[in-house]
Amino acid sequence: MTESLARQRVLGRMLEDPAYEARLRADPAALAREEGVTEGFVRGLAAIEPERVSAFRRSRVHKDEVREGKTPTKLGW
């Protein structure tokens, strides 16, 4: 797998999975080795404010609900 694909996978997992995000933030070097990406890339992701990642997740849930025709839940901003 190319590093570009590995980076996309890491970013996607970080945005989808709070437990993975916690691992990424706790030990960026280990996660970088495990995933085959540079430590600098993982440290850059870890530098994103947790509140921004949470806001992204809430927004995504809202958009999914709208697409499914459901009454969206409050975003909780």
PDB file of N, CA and C in Angstrom:
ATOM      1  N   MET A   1       0.854  -1.175   0.000  1.00  0.00           N
ATOM      2  CA  MET A   1       0.000   0.000   0.000  1.00  0.00           C
ATOM      3  C   MET A   1       0.900   1.238   0.000  1.00  0.00           C
ATOM      4  N   THR A   2       0.522   2.213  -0.793  1.00  0.00           N
ATOM      5  CA  THR A   2       1.310   3.437  -0.830  1.00  0.00           C
ATOM      6  C   THR A   2       1.069   4.248   0.434  1.00  0.00           C
ATOM      7  N   GLU A   3       2.006   5.144   0.715  1.00  0.00           N
ATOM      8  CA  GLU A   3       1.816   5.984   1.900  1.00  0.00           C
ATOM      9  C   GLU A   3       0.579   6.854   1.755  1.00  0.00           C
ATOM     10  N   SER A   4       0.298   7.287   0.548  1.00  0.00           N
ATOM     11  CA  SER A   4      -0.892   8.115   0.336  1.00  0.00           C
ATOM     12  C   SER A   4      -2.163   7.370   0.754  1.00  0.00           C
ATOM     13  N   LEU A   5      -2.283   6.122   0.361  1.00  0.00           N
ATOM     14  CA  LEU A   5      -3.452   5.332   0.761  1.00  0.00           C
ATOM     15  C   LEU A   5      -3.462   5.089   2.265  1.00  0.00           C
ATOM     16  N   ALA A   6      -2.279   4.837   2.823  1.00  0.00           N
ATOM     17  CA  ALA A   6      -2.189   4.618   4.269  1.00  0.00           C
ATOM     18  C   ALA A   6      -2.606   5.879   5.020  1.00  0.00           C
ATOM     19  N   ARG A   7      -2.199   7.037   4.515  1.00  0.00           N
ATOM     20  CA  ARG A   7      -2.595   8.304   5.162  1.00  0.00           C
ATOM     21  C   ARG A   7      -4.106   8.480   5.123  1.00  0.00           C
ATOM     22  N   GLN A   8      -4.709   8.173   3.976  1.00  0.00           N
ATOM     23  CA  GLN A   8      -6.166   8.297   3.871  1.00  0.00           C
ATOM     24  C   GLN A   8      -6.867   7.372   4.867  1.00  0.00           C
ATOM     25  N   ARG A   9      -6.346   6.157   4.992  1.00  0.00           N
ATOM     26  CA  ARG A   9      -6.938   5.203   5.930  1.00  0.00           C
ATOM     27  C   ARG A   9      -6.826   5.709   7.370  1.00  0.00           C
ATOM     28  N   VAL A  10      -5.651   6.227   7.742  1.00  0.00           N
ATOM     29  CA  VAL A  10      -5.441   6.734   9.105  1.00  0.00           C
ATOM     30  C   VAL A  10      -6.380   7.908   9.382  1.00  0.00           C
ATOM     31  N   LEU A  11      -6.453   8.841   8.459  1.00  0.00           N
ATOM     32  CA  LEU A  11      -7.338   9.997   8.649  1.00  0.00           C
ATOM     33  C   LEU A  11      -8.789   9.543   8.778  1.00  0.00           C
ATOM     34  N   GLY A  12      -9.209   8.656   7.898  1.00  0.00           N
ATOM     35  CA  GLY A  12     -10.588   8.167   7.953  1.00  0.00           C
ATOM     36  C   GLY A  12     -10.909   7.478   9.268  1.00  0.00           C
ATOM     37  N   ARG A  13      -9.994   6.638   9.712  1.00  0.00           N
ATOM     38  CA  ARG A  13     -10.226   5.938  10.994  1.00  0.00           C
ATOM     39  C   ARG A  13     -10.258   6.920  12.154  1.00  0.00           C
ATOM     40  N   MET A  14      -9.387   7.917  12.106  1.00  0.00           N
ATOM     41  CA  MET A  14      -9.370   8.914  13.185  1.00  0.00           C
ATOM     42  C   MET A  14     -10.711   9.645  13.265  1.00  0.00           C
ATOM     43  N   LEU A  15     -11.255  10.000  12.098  1.00  0.00           N
ATOM     44  CA  LEU A  15     -12.511  10.746  12.076  1.00  0.00           C
ATOM     45  C   LEU A  15     -13.712   9.872  12.416  1.00  0.00           C
ATOM     46  N   GLU A  16     -13.614   8.580  12.189  1.00  0.00           N
ATOM     47  CA  GLU A  16     -14.726   7.659  12.428  1.00  0.00           C
ATOM     48  C   GLU A  16     -14.740   7.047  13.816  1.00  0.00           C
ATOM     49  N   ASP A  17     -13.564   6.793  14.376  1.00  0.00           N
ATOM     50  CA  ASP A  17     -13.465   5.933  15.549  1.00  0.00           C
ATOM     51  C   ASP A  17     -12.793   6.661  16.722  1.00  0.00           C
ATOM     52  N   PRO A  18     -13.574   7.061  17.731  1.00  0.00           N
ATOM     53  CA  PRO A  18     -12.994   7.770  18.878  1.00  0.00           C
ATOM     54  C   PRO A  18     -11.888   6.992  19.597  1.00  0.00           C
ATOM     55  N   ALA A  19     -11.993   5.667  19.664  1.00  0.00           N
ATOM     56  CA  ALA A  19     -10.951   4.873  20.325  1.00  0.00           C
ATOM     57  C   ALA A  19      -9.645   4.936  19.529  1.00  0.00           C
ATOM     58  N   TYR A  20      -9.752   4.896  18.224  1.00  0.00           N
ATOM     59  CA  TYR A  20      -8.567   5.008  17.365  1.00  0.00           C
ATOM     60  C   TYR A  20      -7.955   6.402  17.509  1.00  0.00           C
ATOM     61  N   GLU A  21      -8.804   7.414  17.543  1.00  0.00           N
ATOM     62  CA  GLU A  21      -8.312   8.782  17.743  1.00  0.00           C
ATOM     63  C   GLU A  21      -7.540   8.874  19.061  1.00  0.00           C
ATOM     64  N   ALA A  22      -8.055   8.262  20.110  1.00  0.00           N
ATOM     65  CA  ALA A  22      -7.376   8.296  21.410  1.00  0.00           C
ATOM     66  C   ALA A  22      -6.011   7.622  21.328  1.00  0.00           C
ATOM     67  N   ARG A  23      -5.927   6.496  20.635  1.00  0.00           N
ATOM     68  CA  ARG A  23      -4.634   5.818  20.447  1.00  0.00           C
ATOM     69  C   ARG A  23      -3.667   6.701  19.675  1.00  0.00           C
ATOM     70  N   LEU A  24      -4.174   7.336  18.627  1.00  0.00           N
ATOM     71  CA  LEU A  24      -3.355   8.221  17.804  1.00  0.00           C
ATOM     72  C   LEU A  24      -2.781   9.358  18.646  1.00  0.00           C
ATOM     73  N   ARG A  25      -3.603   9.940  19.480  1.00  0.00           N
ATOM     74  CA  ARG A  25      -3.153  11.060  20.316  1.00  0.00           C
ATOM     75  C   ARG A  25      -2.204  10.593  21.424  1.00  0.00           C
ATOM     76  N   ALA A  26      -2.423   9.396  21.949  1.00  0.00           N
ATOM     77  CA  ALA A  26      -1.621   8.907  23.072  1.00  0.00           C
ATOM     78  C   ALA A  26      -0.210   8.510  22.653  1.00  0.00           C
ATOM     79  N   ASP A  27      -0.060   7.927  21.468  1.00  0.00           N
ATOM     80  CA  ASP A  27       1.259   7.458  21.035  1.00  0.00           C
ATOM     81  C   ASP A  27       1.385   7.562  19.521  1.00  0.00           C
ATOM     82  N   PRO A  28       1.597   8.786  19.021  1.00  0.00           N
ATOM     83  CA  PRO A  28       1.683   8.978  17.569  1.00  0.00           C
ATOM     84  C   PRO A  28       2.792   8.163  16.906  1.00  0.00           C
ATOM     85  N   ALA A  29       3.924   8.012  17.575  1.00  0.00           N
ATOM     86  CA  ALA A  29       5.050   7.280  16.981  1.00  0.00           C
ATOM     87  C   ALA A  29       4.690   5.811  16.755  1.00  0.00           C
ATOM     88  N   ALA A  30       4.091   5.190  17.741  1.00  0.00           N
ATOM     89  CA  ALA A  30       3.718   3.777  17.613  1.00  0.00           C
ATOM     90  C   ALA A  30       2.664   3.587  16.530  1.00  0.00           C
ATOM     91  N   LEU A  31       1.681   4.459  16.487  1.00  0.00           N
ATOM     92  CA  LEU A  31       0.635   4.338  15.490  1.00  0.00           C
ATOM     93  C   LEU A  31       1.207   4.538  14.090  1.00  0.00           C
ATOM     94  N   ALA A  32       2.135   5.486  13.945  1.00  0.00           N
ATOM     95  CA  ALA A  32       2.761   5.723  12.642  1.00  0.00           C
ATOM     96  C   ALA A  32       3.488   4.468  12.163  1.00  0.00           C
ATOM     97  N   ARG A  33       4.240   3.834  13.041  1.00  0.00           N
ATOM     98  CA  ARG A  33       4.943   2.595  12.674  1.00  0.00           C
ATOM     99  C   ARG A  33       3.949   1.510  12.279  1.00  0.00           C
ATOM    100  N   GLU A  34       2.912   1.371  13.069  1.00  0.00           N
ATOM    101  CA  GLU A  34       1.899   0.338  12.836  1.00  0.00           C
ATOM    102  C   GLU A  34       1.206   0.528  11.485  1.00  0.00           C
ATOM    103  N   GLU A  35       0.936   1.763  11.133  1.00  0.00           N
ATOM    104  CA  GLU A  35       0.163   2.055   9.920  1.00  0.00           C
ATOM    105  C   GLU A  35       1.024   2.311   8.687  1.00  0.00           C
ATOM    106  N   GLY A  36       2.333   2.450   8.869  1.00  0.00           N
ATOM    107  CA  GLY A  36       3.212   2.666   7.725  1.00  0.00           C
ATOM    108  C   GLY A  36       3.182   4.070   7.164  1.00  0.00           C
ATOM    109  N   VAL A  37       2.990   5.037   8.051  1.00  0.00           N
ATOM    110  CA  VAL A  37       3.020   6.444   7.654  1.00  0.00           C
ATOM    111  C   VAL A  37       4.074   7.161   8.477  1.00  0.00           C
ATOM    112  N   THR A  38       4.386   8.391   8.099  1.00  0.00           N
ATOM    113  CA  THR A  38       5.402   9.121   8.840  1.00  0.00           C
ATOM    114  C   THR A  38       4.860   9.591  10.189  1.00  0.00           C
ATOM    115  N   GLU A  39       5.754   9.673  11.130  1.00  0.00           N
ATOM    116  CA  GLU A  39       5.378  10.166  12.448  1.00  0.00           C
ATOM    117  C   GLU A  39       4.903  11.611  12.368  1.00  0.00           C
ATOM    118  N   GLY A  40       5.531  12.392  11.500  1.00  0.00           N
ATOM    119  CA  GLY A  40       5.125  13.789  11.339  1.00  0.00           C
ATOM    120  C   GLY A  40       3.674  13.920  10.904  1.00  0.00           C
ATOM    121  N   PHE A  41       3.245  13.030  10.012  1.00  0.00           N
ATOM    122  CA  PHE A  41       1.851  13.049   9.568  1.00  0.00           C
ATOM    123  C   PHE A  41       0.914  12.782  10.745  1.00  0.00           C
ATOM    124  N   VAL A  42       1.228  11.756  11.528  1.00  0.00           N
ATOM    125  CA  VAL A  42       0.370  11.397  12.665  1.00  0.00           C
ATOM    126  C   VAL A  42       0.392  12.501  13.714  1.00  0.00           C
ATOM    127  N   ARG A  43       1.541  13.084  13.952  1.00  0.00           N
ATOM    128  CA  ARG A  43       1.604  14.202  14.909  1.00  0.00           C
ATOM    129  C   ARG A  43       0.779  15.385  14.425  1.00  0.00           C
ATOM    130  N   GLY A  44       0.766  15.602  13.128  1.00  0.00           N
ATOM    131  CA  GLY A  44      -0.076  16.667  12.569  1.00  0.00           C
ATOM    132  C   GLY A  44      -1.549  16.409  12.829  1.00  0.00           C
ATOM    133  N   LEU A  45      -1.977  15.159  12.655  1.00  0.00           N
ATOM    134  CA  LEU A  45      -3.373  14.817  12.955  1.00  0.00           C
ATOM    135  C   LEU A  45      -3.659  14.986  14.442  1.00  0.00           C
ATOM    136  N   ALA A  46      -2.705  14.570  15.269  1.00  0.00           N
ATOM    137  CA  ALA A  46      -2.895  14.676  16.718  1.00  0.00           C
ATOM    138  C   ALA A  46      -3.001  16.134  17.157  1.00  0.00           C
ATOM    139  N   ALA A  47      -2.463  17.042  16.356  1.00  0.00           N
ATOM    140  CA  ALA A  47      -2.506  18.469  16.703  1.00  0.00           C
ATOM    141  C   ALA A  47      -3.873  19.097  16.417  1.00  0.00           C
ATOM    142  N   ILE A  48      -4.717  18.402  15.667  1.00  0.00           N
ATOM    143  CA  ILE A  48      -6.061  18.929  15.404  1.00  0.00           C
ATOM    144  C   ILE A  48      -6.830  18.918  16.721  1.00  0.00           C
ATOM    145  N   GLU A  49      -7.462  20.020  17.031  1.00  0.00           N
ATOM    146  CA  GLU A  49      -8.185  20.134  18.298  1.00  0.00           C
ATOM    147  C   GLU A  49      -9.280  19.073  18.388  1.00  0.00           C
ATOM    148  N   PRO A  50      -9.345  18.365  19.496  1.00  0.00           N
ATOM    149  CA  PRO A  50     -10.379  17.325  19.660  1.00  0.00           C
ATOM    150  C   PRO A  50     -11.794  17.860  19.429  1.00  0.00           C
ATOM    151  N   GLU A  51     -12.031  19.109  19.784  1.00  0.00           N
ATOM    152  CA  GLU A  51     -13.362  19.685  19.591  1.00  0.00           C
ATOM    153  C   GLU A  51     -13.716  19.767  18.106  1.00  0.00           C
ATOM    154  N   ARG A  52     -12.736  20.011  17.259  1.00  0.00           N
ATOM    155  CA  ARG A  52     -12.998  20.075  15.819  1.00  0.00           C
ATOM    156  C   ARG A  52     -13.353  18.699  15.273  1.00  0.00           C
ATOM    157  N   VAL A  53     -12.678  17.668  15.772  1.00  0.00           N
ATOM    158  CA  VAL A  53     -12.976  16.311  15.335  1.00  0.00           C
ATOM    159  C   VAL A  53     -14.385  15.932  15.794  1.00  0.00           C
ATOM    160  N   SER A  54     -14.730  16.277  17.021  1.00  0.00           N
ATOM    161  CA  SER A  54     -16.083  16.001  17.523  1.00  0.00           C
ATOM    162  C   SER A  54     -17.137  16.734  16.715  1.00  0.00           C
ATOM    163  N   ALA A  55     -16.868  17.974  16.362  1.00  0.00           N
ATOM    164  CA  ALA A  55     -17.810  18.751  15.550  1.00  0.00           C
ATOM    165  C   ALA A  55     -17.992  18.097  14.183  1.00  0.00           C
ATOM    166  N   PHE A  56     -16.913  17.609  13.605  1.00  0.00           N
ATOM    167  CA  PHE A  56     -17.010  16.915  12.322  1.00  0.00           C
ATOM    168  C   PHE A  56     -17.904  15.689  12.450  1.00  0.00           C
ATOM    169  N   ARG A  57     -17.701  14.917  13.503  1.00  0.00           N
ATOM    170  CA  ARG A  57     -18.527  13.708  13.703  1.00  0.00           C
ATOM    171  C   ARG A  57     -20.008  14.059  13.841  1.00  0.00           C
ATOM    172  N   ARG A  58     -20.304  15.102  14.635  1.00  0.00           N
ATOM    173  CA  ARG A  58     -21.704  15.510  14.810  1.00  0.00           C
ATOM    174  C   ARG A  58     -22.299  15.958  13.474  1.00  0.00           C
ATOM    175  N   SER A  59     -21.539  16.712  12.707  1.00  0.00           N
ATOM    176  CA  SER A  59     -22.010  17.189  11.419  1.00  0.00           C
ATOM    177  C   SER A  59     -22.280  16.023  10.476  1.00  0.00           C
ATOM    178  N   ARG A  60     -21.420  15.047  10.522  1.00  0.00           N
ATOM    179  CA  ARG A  60     -21.583  13.883   9.650  1.00  0.00           C
ATOM    180  C   ARG A  60     -22.844  13.095  10.002  1.00  0.00           C
ATOM    181  N   VAL A  61     -23.103  12.924  11.286  1.00  0.00           N
ATOM    182  CA  VAL A  61     -24.320  12.234  11.727  1.00  0.00           C
ATOM    183  C   VAL A  61     -25.545  13.001  11.236  1.00  0.00           C
ATOM    184  N   HIS A  62     -25.510  14.301  11.399  1.00  0.00           N
ATOM    185  CA  HIS A  62     -26.615  15.156  10.960  1.00  0.00           C
ATOM    186  C   HIS A  62     -26.852  15.000   9.457  1.00  0.00           C
ATOM    187  N   LYS A  63     -25.795  15.083   8.666  1.00  0.00           N
ATOM    188  CA  LYS A  63     -25.930  14.963   7.210  1.00  0.00           C
ATOM    189  C   LYS A  63     -26.452  13.583   6.815  1.00  0.00           C
ATOM    190  N   ASP A  64     -25.979  12.547   7.479  1.00  0.00           N
ATOM    191  CA  ASP A  64     -26.468  11.200   7.189  1.00  0.00           C
ATOM    192  C   ASP A  64     -27.956  11.083   7.476  1.00  0.00           C
ATOM    193  N   GLU A  65     -28.396  11.672   8.581  1.00  0.00           N
ATOM    194  CA  GLU A  65     -29.819  11.634   8.930  1.00  0.00           C
ATOM    195  C   GLU A  65     -30.654  12.373   7.892  1.00  0.00           C
ATOM    196  N   VAL A  66     -30.173  13.519   7.434  1.00  0.00           N
ATOM    197  CA  VAL A  66     -30.894  14.279   6.412  1.00  0.00           C
ATOM    198  C   VAL A  66     -30.996  13.462   5.125  1.00  0.00           C
ATOM    199  N   ARG A  67     -29.895  12.854   4.722  1.00  0.00           N
ATOM    200  CA  ARG A  67     -29.892  12.037   3.495  1.00  0.00           C
ATOM    201  C   ARG A  67     -30.857  10.860   3.594  1.00  0.00           C
ATOM    202  N   GLU A  68     -30.994  10.310   4.794  1.00  0.00           N
ATOM    203  CA  GLU A  68     -31.884   9.156   4.998  1.00  0.00           C
ATOM    204  C   GLU A  68     -33.344   9.576   5.180  1.00  0.00           C
ATOM    205  N   GLY A  69     -33.601  10.877   5.190  1.00  0.00           N
ATOM    206  CA  GLY A  69     -34.957  11.369   5.342  1.00  0.00           C
ATOM    207  C   GLY A  69     -35.464  11.370   6.769  1.00  0.00           C
ATOM    208  N   LYS A  70     -34.558  11.167   7.713  1.00  0.00           N
ATOM    209  CA  LYS A  70     -34.940  11.183   9.119  1.00  0.00           C
ATOM    210  C   LYS A  70     -34.977  12.615   9.628  1.00  0.00           C
ATOM    211  N   THR A  71     -35.676  12.796  10.745  1.00  0.00           N
ATOM    212  CA  THR A  71     -35.627  14.086  11.411  1.00  0.00           C
ATOM    213  C   THR A  71     -34.279  14.167  12.121  1.00  0.00           C
ATOM    214  N   PRO A  72     -33.433  15.112  11.713  1.00  0.00           N
ATOM    215  CA  PRO A  72     -32.081  15.159  12.293  1.00  0.00           C
ATOM    216  C   PRO A  72     -32.099  15.472  13.770  1.00  0.00           C
ATOM    217  N   THR A  73     -31.134  14.905  14.481  1.00  0.00           N
ATOM    218  CA  THR A  73     -30.947  15.250  15.875  1.00  0.00           C
ATOM    219  C   THR A  73     -30.258  16.598  15.956  1.00  0.00           C
ATOM    220  N   LYS A  74     -30.365  17.230  17.105  1.00  0.00           N
ATOM    221  CA  LYS A  74     -29.673  18.510  17.286  1.00  0.00           C
ATOM    222  C   LYS A  74     -28.182  18.293  17.236  1.00  0.00           C
ATOM    223  N   LEU A  75     -27.481  19.248  16.673  1.00  0.00           N
ATOM    224  CA  LEU A  75     -26.038  19.136  16.548  1.00  0.00           C
ATOM    225  C   LEU A  75     -25.321  19.365  17.864  1.00  0.00           C
ATOM    226  N   GLY A  76     -25.917  20.042  18.777  1.00  0.00           N
ATOM    227  CA  GLY A  76     -25.291  20.271  20.071  1.00  0.00           C
ATOM    228  C   GLY A  76     -24.119  21.229  20.043  1.00  0.00           C
ATOM    229  N   TRP A  77     -24.206  22.201  19.185  1.00  0.00           N
ATOM    230  CA  TRP A  77     -23.101  23.174  19.087  1.00  0.00           C
ATOM    231  C   TRP A  77     -23.051  23.953  20.309  1.00  0.00           C
TER     232      TRP A  77
END
